[in-house]
Amino acid sequence: ALHAAHGPAGGVLAQTRPPLVAAETRHAGPPHR
């Protein structure tokens, strides 16, 4: 629960941050919509 609230070690994720994801894809594609 603590990891989910604060994110991985080495990075600070604010508790107010929404459930967003960084796309690590090599090539941009059409988003899910």
All heavy atoms as atom14 arrays in JSON, in Angstrom:
{
  "sequence": "ALHAAHGPAGGVLAQTRPPLVAAETRHAGPPHR",
  "atom14_mask": [
    [1, 1, 1, 1, 1, 0, 0, 0, 0, 0, 0, 0, 0, 0],
    [1, 1, 1, 1, 1, 1, 1, 1, 0, 0, 0, 0, 0, 0],
    [1, 1, 1, 1, 1, 1, 1, 1, 1, 1, 0, 0, 0, 0],
    [1, 1, 1, 1, 1, 0, 0, 0, 0, 0, 0, 0, 0, 0],
    [1, 1, 1, 1, 1, 0, 0, 0, 0, 0, 0, 0, 0, 0],
    [1, 1, 1, 1, 1, 1, 1, 1, 1, 1, 0, 0, 0, 0],
    [1, 1, 1, 1, 0, 0, 0, 0, 0, 0, 0, 0, 0, 0],
    [1, 1, 1, 1, 1, 1, 1, 0, 0, 0, 0, 0, 0, 0],
    [1, 1, 1, 1, 1, 0, 0, 0, 0, 0, 0, 0, 0, 0],
    [1, 1, 1, 1, 0, 0, 0, 0, 0, 0, 0, 0, 0, 0],
    [1, 1, 1, 1, 0, 0, 0, 0, 0, 0, 0, 0, 0, 0],
    [1, 1, 1, 1, 1, 1, 1, 0, 0, 0, 0, 0, 0, 0],
    [1, 1, 1, 1, 1, 1, 1, 1, 0, 0, 0, 0, 0, 0],
    [1, 1, 1, 1, 1, 0, 0, 0, 0, 0, 0, 0, 0, 0],
    [1, 1, 1, 1, 1, 1, 1, 1, 1, 0, 0, 0, 0, 0],
    [1, 1, 1, 1, 1, 1, 1, 0, 0, 0, 0, 0, 0, 0],
    [1, 1, 1, 1, 1, 1, 1, 1, 1, 1, 1, 0, 0, 0],
    [1, 1, 1, 1, 1, 1, 1, 0, 0, 0, 0, 0, 0, 0],
    [1, 1, 1, 1, 1, 1, 1, 0, 0, 0, 0, 0, 0, 0],
    [1, 1, 1, 1, 1, 1, 1, 1, 0, 0, 0, 0, 0, 0],
    [1, 1, 1, 1, 1, 1, 1, 0, 0, 0, 0, 0, 0, 0],
    [1, 1, 1, 1, 1, 0, 0, 0, 0, 0, 0, 0, 0, 0],
    [1, 1, 1, 1, 1, 0, 0, 0, 0, 0, 0, 0, 0, 0],
    [1, 1, 1, 1, 1, 1, 1, 1, 1, 0, 0, 0, 0, 0],
    [1, 1, 1, 1, 1, 1, 1, 0, 0, 0, 0, 0, 0, 0],
    [1, 1, 1, 1, 1, 1, 1, 1, 1, 1, 1, 0, 0, 0],
    [1, 1, 1, 1, 1, 1, 1, 1, 1, 1, 0, 0, 0, 0],
    [1, 1, 1, 1, 1, 0, 0, 0, 0, 0, 0, 0, 0, 0],
    [1, 1, 1, 1, 0, 0, 0, 0, 0, 0, 0, 0, 0, 0],
    [1, 1, 1, 1, 1, 1, 1, 0, 0, 0, 0, 0, 0, 0],
    [1, 1, 1, 1, 1, 1, 1, 0, 0, 0, 0, 0, 0, 0],
    [1, 1, 1, 1, 1, 1, 1, 1, 1, 1, 0, 0, 0, 0],
    [1, 1, 1, 1, 1, 1, 1, 1, 1, 1, 1, 0, 0, 0]
  ],
  "atom14_positions": [
    [[0.84, -1.21, 0.0], [0.0, 0.0, 0.0], [0.86, 1.25, 0.0], [0.57, 2.23, -0.68], [-0.93, -0.02, 1.21], [0.0, 0.0, 0.0], [0.0, 0.0, 0.0], [0.0, 0.0, 0.0], [0.0, 0.0, 0.0], [0.0, 0.0, 0.0], [0.0, 0.0, 0.0], [0.0, 0.0, 0.0], [0.0, 0.0, 0.0], [0.0, 0.0, 0.0]],
    [[1.96, 1.23, 0.77], [2.85, 2.38, 0.83], [3.52, 2.59, -0.52], [3.64, 3.72, -1.01], [3.91, 2.16, 1.91], [4.91, 3.3, 2.14], [4.16, 4.53, 2.64], [5.97, 2.89, 3.16], [0.0, 0.0, 0.0], [0.0, 0.0, 0.0], [0.0, 0.0, 0.0], [0.0, 0.0, 0.0], [0.0, 0.0, 0.0], [0.0, 0.0, 0.0]],
    [[3.93, 1.49, -1.16], [4.55, 1.6, -2.49], [3.56, 2.18, -3.49], [3.89, 3.03, -4.3], [5.03, 0.22, -2.94], [5.56, 0.21, -4.33], [6.87, 0.55, -4.63], [4.98, -0.08, -5.51], [7.07, 0.46, -5.91], [5.94, 0.08, -6.48], [0.0, 0.0, 0.0], [0.0, 0.0, 0.0], [0.0, 0.0, 0.0], [0.0, 0.0, 0.0]],
    [[2.31, 1.72, -3.44], [1.3, 2.22, -4.39], [1.02, 3.68, -4.17], [0.72, 4.42, -5.11], [0.01, 1.4, -4.23], [0.0, 0.0, 0.0], [0.0, 0.0, 0.0], [0.0, 0.0, 0.0], [0.0, 0.0, 0.0], [0.0, 0.0, 0.0], [0.0, 0.0, 0.0], [0.0, 0.0, 0.0], [0.0, 0.0, 0.0], [0.0, 0.0, 0.0]],
    [[1.1, 4.14, -2.92], [0.79, 5.54, -2.63], [1.92, 6.46, -3.01], [1.69, 7.57, -3.48], [0.47, 5.69, -1.14], [0.0, 0.0, 0.0], [0.0, 0.0, 0.0], [0.0, 0.0, 0.0], [0.0, 0.0, 0.0], [0.0, 0.0, 0.0], [0.0, 0.0, 0.0], [0.0, 0.0, 0.0], [0.0, 0.0, 0.0], [0.0, 0.0, 0.0]],
    [[3.18, 6.0, -2.83], [4.32, 6.89, -3.0], [5.19, 6.57, -4.19], [6.1, 7.32, -4.52], [5.19, 6.86, -1.73], [4.47, 7.41, -0.55], [4.34, 8.75, -0.32], [3.82, 6.79, 0.47], [3.66, 8.95, 0.8], [3.32, 7.77, 1.29], [0.0, 0.0, 0.0], [0.0, 0.0, 0.0], [0.0, 0.0, 0.0], [0.0, 0.0, 0.0]],
    [[4.93, 5.46, -4.86], [5.69, 5.14, -6.05], [6.97, 4.42, -5.71], [7.29, 4.17, -4.56], [0.0, 0.0, 0.0], [0.0, 0.0, 0.0], [0.0, 0.0, 0.0], [0.0, 0.0, 0.0], [0.0, 0.0, 0.0], [0.0, 0.0, 0.0], [0.0, 0.0, 0.0], [0.0, 0.0, 0.0], [0.0, 0.0, 0.0], [0.0, 0.0, 0.0]],
    [[7.75, 4.05, -6.76], [8.97, 3.29, -6.55], [10.05, 4.12, -5.91], [10.05, 5.34, -5.95], [9.36, 2.89, -7.99], [8.75, 3.96, -8.84], [7.49, 4.35, -8.16], [0.0, 0.0, 0.0], [0.0, 0.0, 0.0], [0.0, 0.0, 0.0], [0.0, 0.0, 0.0], [0.0, 0.0, 0.0], [0.0, 0.0, 0.0], [0.0, 0.0, 0.0]],
    [[11.03, 3.43, -5.32], [12.16, 4.13, -4.71], [12.9, 4.91, -5.77], [13.06, 4.47, -6.89], [13.09, 3.1, -4.05], [0.0, 0.0, 0.0], [0.0, 0.0, 0.0], [0.0, 0.0, 0.0], [0.0, 0.0, 0.0], [0.0, 0.0, 0.0], [0.0, 0.0, 0.0], [0.0, 0.0, 0.0], [0.0, 0.0, 0.0], [0.0, 0.0, 0.0]],
    [[13.37, 6.1, -5.4], [14.13, 6.92, -6.34], [13.27, 7.93, -7.06], [13.77, 8.8, -7.75], [0.0, 0.0, 0.0], [0.0, 0.0, 0.0], [0.0, 0.0, 0.0], [0.0, 0.0, 0.0], [0.0, 0.0, 0.0], [0.0, 0.0, 0.0], [0.0, 0.0, 0.0], [0.0, 0.0, 0.0], [0.0, 0.0, 0.0], [0.0, 0.0, 0.0]],
    [[11.95, 7.83, -6.95], [11.07, 8.79, -7.59], [10.0, 9.2, -6.61], [9.53, 8.39, -5.82], [0.0, 0.0, 0.0], [0.0, 0.0, 0.0], [0.0, 0.0, 0.0], [0.0, 0.0, 0.0], [0.0, 0.0, 0.0], [0.0, 0.0, 0.0], [0.0, 0.0, 0.0], [0.0, 0.0, 0.0], [0.0, 0.0, 0.0], [0.0, 0.0, 0.0]],
    [[9.6, 10.46, -6.64], [8.59, 10.95, -5.71], [7.31, 11.19, -6.48], [7.26, 12.05, -7.35], [9.06, 12.24, -5.02], [7.98, 12.74, -4.07], [10.35, 12.0, -4.27], [0.0, 0.0, 0.0], [0.0, 0.0, 0.0], [0.0, 0.0, 0.0], [0.0, 0.0, 0.0], [0.0, 0.0, 0.0], [0.0, 0.0, 0.0], [0.0, 0.0, 0.0]],
    [[6.29, 10.42, -6.18], [4.99, 10.59, -6.82], [4.06, 11.24, -5.81], [3.82, 10.68, -4.74], [4.41, 9.24, -7.26], [5.26, 8.42, -8.25], [4.49, 7.17, -8.65], [5.6, 9.23, -9.46], [0.0, 0.0, 0.0], [0.0, 0.0, 0.0], [0.0, 0.0, 0.0], [0.0, 0.0, 0.0], [0.0, 0.0, 0.0], [0.0, 0.0, 0.0]],
    [[3.55, 12.41, -6.13], [2.64, 13.09, -5.21], [1.39, 12.26, -5.0], [0.9, 11.63, -5.93], [2.28, 14.47, -5.76], [0.0, 0.0, 0.0], [0.0, 0.0, 0.0], [0.0, 0.0, 0.0], [0.0, 0.0, 0.0], [0.0, 0.0, 0.0], [0.0, 0.0, 0.0], [0.0, 0.0, 0.0], [0.0, 0.0, 0.0], [0.0, 0.0, 0.0]],
    [[0.85, 12.25, -3.78], [-0.35, 11.46, -3.52], [-1.54, 11.98, -4.29], [-2.51, 11.26, -4.49], [-0.65, 11.47, -2.02], [0.41, 10.74, -1.2], [0.04, 10.68, 0.25], [-1.04, 11.11, 0.65], [0.93, 10.16, 1.07], [0.0, 0.0, 0.0], [0.0, 0.0, 0.0], [0.0, 0.0, 0.0], [0.0, 0.0, 0.0], [0.0, 0.0, 0.0]],
    [[-1.5, 13.23, -4.72], [-2.61, 13.78, -5.49], [-2.5, 13.43, -6.96], [-3.38, 13.77, -7.73], [-2.64, 15.32, -5.36], [-1.36, 15.84, -5.75], [-2.93, 15.72, -3.94], [0.0, 0.0, 0.0], [0.0, 0.0, 0.0], [0.0, 0.0, 0.0], [0.0, 0.0, 0.0], [0.0, 0.0, 0.0], [0.0, 0.0, 0.0], [0.0, 0.0, 0.0]],
    [[-1.42, 12.77, -7.36], [-1.24, 12.45, -8.77], [-2.28, 11.43, -9.21], [-2.53, 10.45, -8.54], [0.16, 11.89, -9.0], [0.42, 11.48, -10.43], [1.88, 11.14, -10.62], [2.68, 12.33, -10.42], [3.98, 12.29, -10.18], [4.6, 11.16, -10.11], [4.66, 13.41, -10.01], [0.0, 0.0, 0.0], [0.0, 0.0, 0.0], [0.0, 0.0, 0.0]],
    [[-2.91, 11.61, -10.38], [-3.89, 10.66, -10.87], [-3.2, 9.39, -11.36], [-1.98, 9.37, -11.51], [-4.54, 11.4, -12.05], [-3.48, 12.32, -12.52], [-2.73, 12.75, -11.29], [0.0, 0.0, 0.0], [0.0, 0.0, 0.0], [0.0, 0.0, 0.0], [0.0, 0.0, 0.0], [0.0, 0.0, 0.0], [0.0, 0.0, 0.0], [0.0, 0.0, 0.0]],
    [[-3.96, 8.32, -11.59], [-3.35, 7.06, -12.04], [-2.93, 7.16, -13.49], [-3.57, 6.62, -14.4], [-4.49, 6.05, -11.85], [-5.73, 6.84, -11.98], [-5.41, 8.2, -11.4], [0.0, 0.0, 0.0], [0.0, 0.0, 0.0], [0.0, 0.0, 0.0], [0.0, 0.0, 0.0], [0.0, 0.0, 0.0], [0.0, 0.0, 0.0], [0.0, 0.0, 0.0]],
    [[-1.83, 7.84, -13.76], [-1.33, 8.02, -15.11], [-0.15, 7.1, -15.35], [0.52, 6.67, -14.43], [-0.89, 9.48, -15.32], [-1.98, 10.52, -15.06], [-1.39, 11.91, -15.21], [-3.14, 10.33, -16.0], [0.0, 0.0, 0.0], [0.0, 0.0, 0.0], [0.0, 0.0, 0.0], [0.0, 0.0, 0.0], [0.0, 0.0, 0.0], [0.0, 0.0, 0.0]],
    [[0.1, 6.83, -16.6], [1.17, 5.91, -16.97], [2.04, 6.57, -18.01], [1.55, 7.26, -18.9], [0.58, 4.59, -17.53], [1.7, 3.64, -17.94], [-0.32, 3.93, -16.5], [0.0, 0.0, 0.0], [0.0, 0.0, 0.0], [0.0, 0.0, 0.0], [0.0, 0.0, 0.0], [0.0, 0.0, 0.0], [0.0, 0.0, 0.0], [0.0, 0.0, 0.0]],
    [[3.34, 6.37, -17.92], [4.25, 6.84, -18.95], [4.4, 5.76, -19.99], [4.68, 4.61, -19.68], [5.61, 7.18, -18.35], [0.0, 0.0, 0.0], [0.0, 0.0, 0.0], [0.0, 0.0, 0.0], [0.0, 0.0, 0.0], [0.0, 0.0, 0.0], [0.0, 0.0, 0.0], [0.0, 0.0, 0.0], [0.0, 0.0, 0.0], [0.0, 0.0, 0.0]],
    [[4.18, 6.12, -21.25], [4.3, 5.16, -22.34], [5.76, 5.0, -22.72], [6.39, 5.93, -23.18], [3.49, 5.63, -23.56], [0.0, 0.0, 0.0], [0.0, 0.0, 0.0], [0.0, 0.0, 0.0], [0.0, 0.0, 0.0], [0.0, 0.0, 0.0], [0.0, 0.0, 0.0], [0.0, 0.0, 0.0], [0.0, 0.0, 0.0], [0.0, 0.0, 0.0]],
    [[6.3, 3.81, -22.53], [7.71, 3.56, -22.82], [7.89, 2.99, -24.22], [8.93, 2.43, -24.55], [8.3, 2.58, -21.8], [8.24, 3.09, -20.37], [9.19, 4.24, -20.12], [10.04, 4.5, -20.99], [9.09, 4.86, -19.06], [0.0, 0.0, 0.0], [0.0, 0.0, 0.0], [0.0, 0.0, 0.0], [0.0, 0.0, 0.0], [0.0, 0.0, 0.0]],
    [[6.87, 3.11, -25.07], [6.94, 2.53, -26.4], [7.98, 3.23, -27.25], [8.17, 4.44, -27.16], [5.57, 2.65, -27.1], [5.13, 4.0, -27.02], [4.54, 1.76, -26.45], [0.0, 0.0, 0.0], [0.0, 0.0, 0.0], [0.0, 0.0, 0.0], [0.0, 0.0, 0.0], [0.0, 0.0, 0.0], [0.0, 0.0, 0.0], [0.0, 0.0, 0.0]],
    [[8.65, 2.46, -28.11], [9.67, 3.03, -28.99], [9.03, 3.89, -30.07], [9.56, 4.92, -30.46], [10.5, 1.91, -29.61], [11.56, 2.42, -30.58], [12.42, 1.27, -31.07], [13.33, 1.71, -32.11], [14.49, 2.31, -31.89], [14.88, 2.55, -30.67], [15.27, 2.67, -32.89], [0.0, 0.0, 0.0], [0.0, 0.0, 0.0], [0.0, 0.0, 0.0]],
    [[7.88, 3.44, -30.58], [7.22, 4.17, -31.67], [5.82, 4.57, -31.23], [5.06, 3.76, -30.73], [7.15, 3.3, -32.93], [8.49, 2.97, -33.48], [9.25, 3.87, -34.15], [9.21, 1.83, -33.41], [10.4, 3.31, -34.5], [10.4, 2.07, -34.07], [0.0, 0.0, 0.0], [0.0, 0.0, 0.0], [0.0, 0.0, 0.0], [0.0, 0.0, 0.0]],
    [[5.51, 5.84, -31.43], [4.19, 6.32, -31.04], [3.12, 5.64, -31.88], [3.31, 5.42, -33.07], [4.13, 7.83, -31.21], [0.0, 0.0, 0.0], [0.0, 0.0, 0.0], [0.0, 0.0, 0.0], [0.0, 0.0, 0.0], [0.0, 0.0, 0.0], [0.0, 0.0, 0.0], [0.0, 0.0, 0.0], [0.0, 0.0, 0.0], [0.0, 0.0, 0.0]],
    [[2.0, 5.36, -31.28], [0.91, 4.72, -31.99], [-0.4, 5.41, -31.67], [-0.46, 6.33, -30.88], [0.0, 0.0, 0.0], [0.0, 0.0, 0.0], [0.0, 0.0, 0.0], [0.0, 0.0, 0.0], [0.0, 0.0, 0.0], [0.0, 0.0, 0.0], [0.0, 0.0, 0.0], [0.0, 0.0, 0.0], [0.0, 0.0, 0.0], [0.0, 0.0, 0.0]],
    [[-1.48, 4.94, -32.31], [-2.78, 5.51, -32.01], [-3.22, 5.15, -30.62], [-3.09, 4.0, -30.2], [-3.7, 4.87, -33.08], [-3.0, 3.6, -33.43], [-1.54, 3.87, -33.3], [0.0, 0.0, 0.0], [0.0, 0.0, 0.0], [0.0, 0.0, 0.0], [0.0, 0.0, 0.0], [0.0, 0.0, 0.0], [0.0, 0.0, 0.0], [0.0, 0.0, 0.0]],
    [[-3.69, 6.11, -29.81], [-4.08, 5.81, -28.43], [-5.39, 5.07, -28.36], [-6.2, 5.1, -29.27], [-4.21, 7.2, -27.81], [-4.58, 8.06, -28.96], [-3.87, 7.5, -30.16], [0.0, 0.0, 0.0], [0.0, 0.0, 0.0], [0.0, 0.0, 0.0], [0.0, 0.0, 0.0], [0.0, 0.0, 0.0], [0.0, 0.0, 0.0], [0.0, 0.0, 0.0]],
    [[-5.6, 4.4, -27.22], [-6.9, 3.81, -26.96], [-7.89, 4.95, -26.71], [-7.64, 5.84, -25.94], [-6.84, 2.92, -25.73], [-8.16, 2.4, -25.29], [-8.85, 1.45, -26.0], [-8.94, 2.73, -24.23], [-9.99, 1.21, -25.39], [-10.07, 1.97, -24.31], [0.0, 0.0, 0.0], [0.0, 0.0, 0.0], [0.0, 0.0, 0.0], [0.0, 0.0, 0.0]],
    [[-9.01, 4.92, -27.4], [-9.96, 6.01, -27.26], [-11.37, 5.47, -27.36], [-11.62, 4.4, -27.89], [-9.74, 7.08, -28.34], [-9.79, 6.54, -29.76], [-9.95, 7.65, -30.79], [-8.74, 8.39, -30.95], [-8.67, 9.72, -30.85], [-9.74, 10.41, -30.56], [-7.55, 10.35, -31.05], [0.0, 0.0, 0.0], [0.0, 0.0, 0.0], [0.0, 0.0, 0.0]]
  ]
}
